[in-house]
Amino acid sequence: MAARYVLDSFALMALFQEEPGAAKVQELLAGAQRGEHELYMSVVNLGEMVYTVGNRRGLEASQEALAAADQLPIEIVGVDRPLALSAARLKAASGIGYADCFVAALAQRLGGAVVTGDPHFRQVEHLVAVEWLPSADTQ
């Protein structure tokens, strides 16, 4: 079975804004294109990326980012009751942001690793594997 990675909005933001983690995200995307592994993202975190881009660069930029994301080899996973309840349990146990909990809950469900550079995920490393991206703070 191919390795599975669940992207946090941080990963797409790094890619679209050419931040330090962009090269690693590009590497993961290329590997997914070749069938070496699978990439997933919760629709909640896709929405998080869209509103973050919108807040930083405006509506047109957020629409462009969404259109670009739709072209990537990432399976966008909807939220069902079990995933929402898993995210709620993670929120109660860890205190990290609720949107972040959807990344971790989906990674747990799929037996995959979270891909992020968000330091808040250090609080759930004992619960889910994390593939760390470099961030501006670590450069």
C-alpha atoms as a PDB file:
ATOM      1  CA  MET A   1       0.000   0.000   0.000  1.00  0.00           C
ATOM      2  CA  ALA A   2       1.238   3.476  -0.888  1.00  0.00           C
ATOM      3  CA  ALA A   3       2.177   5.872   1.886  1.00  0.00           C
ATOM      4  CA  ARG A   4      -0.505   8.404   2.715  1.00  0.00           C
ATOM      5  CA  TYR A   5       0.001  12.044   3.565  1.00  0.00           C
ATOM      6  CA  VAL A   6      -2.624  14.503   4.794  1.00  0.00           C
ATOM      7  CA  LEU A   7      -1.845  18.103   3.943  1.00  0.00           C
ATOM      8  CA  ASP A   8      -2.540  20.899   6.366  1.00  0.00           C
ATOM      9  CA  SER A   9      -3.490  24.271   4.886  1.00  0.00           C
ATOM     10  CA  PHE A  10       0.063  25.289   5.881  1.00  0.00           C
ATOM     11  CA  ALA A  11       1.405  23.012   3.125  1.00  0.00           C
ATOM     12  CA  LEU A  12      -0.639  24.601   0.338  1.00  0.00           C
ATOM     13  CA  MET A  13       0.088  28.082   1.668  1.00  0.00           C
ATOM     14  CA  ALA A  14       3.813  27.270   1.564  1.00  0.00           C
ATOM     15  CA  LEU A  15       3.438  26.094  -2.034  1.00  0.00           C
ATOM     16  CA  PHE A  16       1.346  29.000  -3.291  1.00  0.00           C
ATOM     17  CA  GLN A  17       3.376  31.666  -1.487  1.00  0.00           C
ATOM     18  CA  GLU A  18       6.762  30.098  -2.335  1.00  0.00           C
ATOM     19  CA  GLU A  19       7.669  29.776   1.330  1.00  0.00           C
ATOM     20  CA  PRO A  20      10.491  27.551   2.658  1.00  0.00           C
ATOM     21  CA  GLY A  21       8.318  24.382   2.666  1.00  0.00           C
ATOM     22  CA  ALA A  22       7.318  24.754  -1.003  1.00  0.00           C
ATOM     23  CA  ALA A  23      10.071  22.480  -2.349  1.00  0.00           C
ATOM     24  CA  LYS A  24       9.024  19.611  -0.079  1.00  0.00           C
ATOM     25  CA  VAL A  25       5.351  20.053  -1.062  1.00  0.00           C
ATOM     26  CA  GLN A  26       6.346  20.051  -4.760  1.00  0.00           C
ATOM     27  CA  GLU A  27       8.288  16.836  -4.131  1.00  0.00           C
ATOM     28  CA  LEU A  28       5.232  15.217  -2.521  1.00  0.00           C
ATOM     29  CA  LEU A  29       2.998  16.348  -5.400  1.00  0.00           C
ATOM     30  CA  ALA A  30       5.411  14.915  -7.971  1.00  0.00           C
ATOM     31  CA  GLY A  31       5.526  11.627  -6.067  1.00  0.00           C
ATOM     32  CA  ALA A  32       1.733  11.488  -5.996  1.00  0.00           C
ATOM     33  CA  GLN A  33       1.654  12.096  -9.766  1.00  0.00           C
ATOM     34  CA  ARG A  34       3.975   9.097 -10.186  1.00  0.00           C
ATOM     35  CA  GLY A  35       1.791   6.955  -7.893  1.00  0.00           C
ATOM     36  CA  GLU A  36       4.476   6.663  -5.214  1.00  0.00           C
ATOM     37  CA  HIS A  37       2.144   7.832  -2.452  1.00  0.00           C
ATOM     38  CA  GLU A  38      -1.304   9.350  -1.905  1.00  0.00           C
ATOM     39  CA  LEU A  39      -2.156  12.887  -0.852  1.00  0.00           C
ATOM     40  CA  TYR A  40      -5.304  13.906   1.002  1.00  0.00           C
ATOM     41  CA  MET A  41      -6.775  17.052   2.486  1.00  0.00           C
ATOM     42  CA  SER A  42      -9.899  17.669   4.502  1.00  0.00           C
ATOM     43  CA  VAL A  43     -12.399  20.018   2.889  1.00  0.00           C
ATOM     44  CA  VAL A  44     -12.226  21.994   6.154  1.00  0.00           C
ATOM     45  CA  ASN A  45      -8.521  22.654   5.614  1.00  0.00           C
ATOM     46  CA  LEU A  46      -9.072  23.469   1.951  1.00  0.00           C
ATOM     47  CA  GLY A  47     -11.538  26.111   3.139  1.00  0.00           C
ATOM     48  CA  GLU A  48      -9.005  27.308   5.692  1.00  0.00           C
ATOM     49  CA  MET A  49      -6.449  27.816   2.900  1.00  0.00           C
ATOM     50  CA  VAL A  50      -8.995  29.711   0.777  1.00  0.00           C
ATOM     51  CA  TYR A  51     -10.012  32.103   3.547  1.00  0.00           C
ATOM     52  CA  THR A  52      -6.377  32.668   4.581  1.00  0.00           C
ATOM     53  CA  VAL A  53      -5.382  33.606   1.033  1.00  0.00           C
ATOM     54  CA  GLY A  54      -8.485  35.790   0.794  1.00  0.00           C
ATOM     55  CA  ASN A  55      -7.644  37.617   4.007  1.00  0.00           C
ATOM     56  CA  ARG A  56      -4.047  38.183   2.953  1.00  0.00           C
ATOM     57  CA  ARG A  57      -4.404  38.886  -0.770  1.00  0.00           C
ATOM     58  CA  GLY A  58      -8.092  39.333  -1.602  1.00  0.00           C
ATOM     59  CA  LEU A  59     -10.991  37.466  -3.183  1.00  0.00           C
ATOM     60  CA  GLU A  60      -9.467  37.073  -6.639  1.00  0.00           C
ATOM     61  CA  ALA A  61      -6.290  35.545  -5.192  1.00  0.00           C
ATOM     62  CA  SER A  62      -8.336  33.126  -3.084  1.00  0.00           C
ATOM     63  CA  GLN A  63     -10.314  32.022  -6.148  1.00  0.00           C
ATOM     64  CA  GLU A  64      -7.061  31.504  -8.076  1.00  0.00           C
ATOM     65  CA  ALA A  65      -5.619  29.476  -5.180  1.00  0.00           C
ATOM     66  CA  LEU A  66      -8.719  27.272  -5.096  1.00  0.00           C
ATOM     67  CA  ALA A  67      -8.578  26.727  -8.862  1.00  0.00           C
ATOM     68  CA  ALA A  68      -4.886  25.819  -8.571  1.00  0.00           C
ATOM     69  CA  ALA A  69      -5.560  23.432  -5.665  1.00  0.00           C
ATOM     70  CA  ASP A  70      -8.273  21.710  -7.693  1.00  0.00           C
ATOM     71  CA  GLN A  71      -5.637  20.796 -10.307  1.00  0.00           C
ATOM     72  CA  LEU A  72      -3.325  19.083  -7.822  1.00  0.00           C
ATOM     73  CA  PRO A  73      -3.209  15.307  -7.202  1.00  0.00           C
ATOM     74  CA  ILE A  74      -4.833  15.684  -3.787  1.00  0.00           C
ATOM     75  CA  GLU A  75      -8.015  13.884  -2.800  1.00  0.00           C
ATOM     76  CA  ILE A  76     -10.257  16.306  -0.933  1.00  0.00           C
ATOM     77  CA  VAL A  77     -12.123  14.429   1.791  1.00  0.00           C
ATOM     78  CA  GLY A  78     -15.506  15.572   3.051  1.00  0.00           C
ATOM     79  CA  VAL A  79     -16.413  15.644   6.705  1.00  0.00           C
ATOM     80  CA  ASP A  80     -18.718  12.963   8.000  1.00  0.00           C
ATOM     81  CA  ARG A  81     -19.944  12.430  11.545  1.00  0.00           C
ATOM     82  CA  PRO A  82     -17.125  10.042  12.602  1.00  0.00           C
ATOM     83  CA  LEU A  83     -14.437  12.448  11.349  1.00  0.00           C
ATOM     84  CA  ALA A  84     -16.087  15.426  13.067  1.00  0.00           C
ATOM     85  CA  LEU A  85     -16.285  13.486  16.334  1.00  0.00           C
ATOM     86  CA  SER A  86     -12.652  12.362  16.040  1.00  0.00           C
ATOM     87  CA  ALA A  87     -11.649  15.987  15.497  1.00  0.00           C
ATOM     88  CA  ALA A  88     -13.710  16.993  18.533  1.00  0.00           C
ATOM     89  CA  ARG A  89     -11.942  14.373  20.684  1.00  0.00           C
ATOM     90  CA  LEU A  90      -8.554  15.626  19.474  1.00  0.00           C
ATOM     91  CA  LYS A  91      -9.562  19.199  20.275  1.00  0.00           C
ATOM     92  CA  ALA A  92     -10.544  18.208  23.796  1.00  0.00           C
ATOM     93  CA  ALA A  93      -7.340  16.203  24.295  1.00  0.00           C
ATOM     94  CA  SER A  94      -4.824  18.594  22.749  1.00  0.00           C
ATOM     95  CA  GLY A  95      -6.220  22.108  22.674  1.00  0.00           C
ATOM     96  CA  ILE A  96      -4.955  22.763  19.129  1.00  0.00           C
ATOM     97  CA  GLY A  97      -7.182  24.639  16.702  1.00  0.00           C
ATOM     98  CA  TYR A  98     -10.319  22.852  15.589  1.00  0.00           C
ATOM     99  CA  ALA A  99      -9.409  23.060  11.883  1.00  0.00           C
ATOM    100  CA  ASP A 100      -6.028  21.498  12.723  1.00  0.00           C
ATOM    101  CA  CYS A 101      -7.874  18.679  14.437  1.00  0.00           C
ATOM    102  CA  PHE A 102      -9.458  17.691  11.113  1.00  0.00           C
ATOM    103  CA  VAL A 103      -5.988  17.205   9.610  1.00  0.00           C
ATOM    104  CA  ALA A 104      -4.919  15.012  12.510  1.00  0.00           C
ATOM    105  CA  ALA A 105      -8.207  13.070  12.601  1.00  0.00           C
ATOM    106  CA  LEU A 106      -8.027  12.358   8.865  1.00  0.00           C
ATOM    107  CA  ALA A 107      -4.396  11.236   9.181  1.00  0.00           C
ATOM    108  CA  GLN A 108      -5.414   8.892  12.001  1.00  0.00           C
ATOM    109  CA  ARG A 109      -8.289   7.512   9.915  1.00  0.00           C
ATOM    110  CA  LEU A 110      -6.050   6.881   6.903  1.00  0.00           C
ATOM    111  CA  GLY A 111      -2.989   5.705   8.812  1.00  0.00           C
ATOM    112  CA  GLY A 112      -1.047   8.557   7.258  1.00  0.00           C
ATOM    113  CA  ALA A 113       1.160  11.435   8.302  1.00  0.00           C
ATOM    114  CA  VAL A 114       0.224  15.082   8.644  1.00  0.00           C
ATOM    115  CA  VAL A 115       2.277  17.393   6.404  1.00  0.00           C
ATOM    116  CA  THR A 116       2.721  20.792   8.039  1.00  0.00           C
ATOM    117  CA  GLY A 117       5.135  23.321   9.420  1.00  0.00           C
ATOM    118  CA  ASP A 118       2.633  24.583  11.990  1.00  0.00           C
ATOM    119  CA  PRO A 119       4.271  24.227  15.423  1.00  0.00           C
ATOM    120  CA  HIS A 120       0.874  23.617  17.069  1.00  0.00           C
ATOM    121  CA  PHE A 121       1.053  20.048  15.756  1.00  0.00           C
ATOM    122  CA  ARG A 122       3.840  19.299  18.251  1.00  0.00           C
ATOM    123  CA  GLN A 123       0.975  18.898  20.736  1.00  0.00           C
ATOM    124  CA  VAL A 124      -0.374  15.873  18.819  1.00  0.00           C
ATOM    125  CA  GLU A 125       2.860  14.195  17.660  1.00  0.00           C
ATOM    126  CA  HIS A 126       2.248  11.438  20.199  1.00  0.00           C
ATOM    127  CA  LEU A 127      -1.148  10.765  18.551  1.00  0.00           C
ATOM    128  CA  VAL A 128      -0.340  11.038  14.836  1.00  0.00           C
ATOM    129  CA  ALA A 129       2.754  11.007  12.621  1.00  0.00           C
ATOM    130  CA  VAL A 130       3.897  14.427  11.433  1.00  0.00           C
ATOM    131  CA  GLU A 131       6.047  15.127   8.379  1.00  0.00           C
ATOM    132  CA  TRP A 132       7.564  18.516   9.140  1.00  0.00           C
ATOM    133  CA  LEU A 133       7.973  21.219   6.530  1.00  0.00           C
ATOM    134  CA  PRO A 134      10.537  23.939   7.062  1.00  0.00           C
ATOM    135  CA  SER A 135       8.960  27.264   7.943  1.00  0.00           C
ATOM    136  CA  ALA A 136      10.201  30.824   7.903  1.00  0.00           C
ATOM    137  CA  ASP A 137      10.711  30.475  11.665  1.00  0.00           C
ATOM    138  CA  THR A 138      13.105  27.547  11.236  1.00  0.00           C
ATOM    139  CA  GLN A 139      15.224  29.033   8.435  1.00  0.00           C
END
